[in-house]
Each structure stands twice: as structure tokens, then as C-alpha cells.
Amino acid sequence: VQLVESGGGLVQPGGSLRLSCAASGSTLDYYAIMWFRQAPGKKREGVSCLTSDSTRTYYADSVKGRFTISRDDAKNTGYLQMNGLKPEDTAVYYCAAAPALKYGSTWCSLFGADYWGQGIQVTVSS
């Protein structure tokens, strides 16, 4: 599966962005979807994940209550809605996926994935 992120950019603190992750080459509903981010000089951080059966979601403590992960399998696209953005959310955000056939339909992880997008910049600044 190939993944392409869109929707990043510059936003003021307190603002919102919605990142999209368009999949091709395979049907996204066979995959768990993850979002990761990496700020300059910092390690990659798992932000959120959603199981392939859409029954479970997980969020990093730093984004709980502000970010929402979702998917539209009819559009073969995953999303990360980001509200209440803070300067510390500034990073390159990566969409990732892992096949349910390998890990199970009720699995997802904030620690790794099998397939990755190229990343997209999100900058939160006034």
C-alpha cells in the first residue's frame, strides 16, 4: 500500500488542521492506520492509531482530547483532525499502516508500522 499525506501547513496556536492520508495499491480497510510525528532534534513519536475494524483508537497523552483519528474506507483515506494546536505540535507528521492479516483486526501500535507516507510539515506559530 502507498500512502500520501496532505492538509499540513502553518496555523496559529489554538487553530485546527485536518491531515488526510490517501492510500493506493490496496484497500485501506485491511490495515490499521497510525499517525506519527517527528520534531527537529527529537525522536519520532506515535500520535494516534486506529484498528482496521475501527473498534479501538489510541492516543498519545500529549494529544488526548485535542486530536481525533478516523477513516473513510469508501474513500480509501484516513484522517487526523487536530484541534487546539500548540507550538509543541510543530513537527513532520507521518501516516502509516499495518496489515490486519499480519497483526489482527483489533491491533494497532504507537511504536511502529509496516508502511509509511513521505511526511508532511505542520507548523504552529503566531
Foldseek 3Di string as FASTA:
>chain_A
DAWAKDFADEAAAQAKIKIKIADPPDQLLQKKKWKWWDDPPGDIWTAKIAFSVRPDMDGDPVQPPFWDWDDDRVRNMIMIIGGRDDQVVWTWMKMAIAGCVVVNRHDDDGPDHDYIYPTDTHGYHD
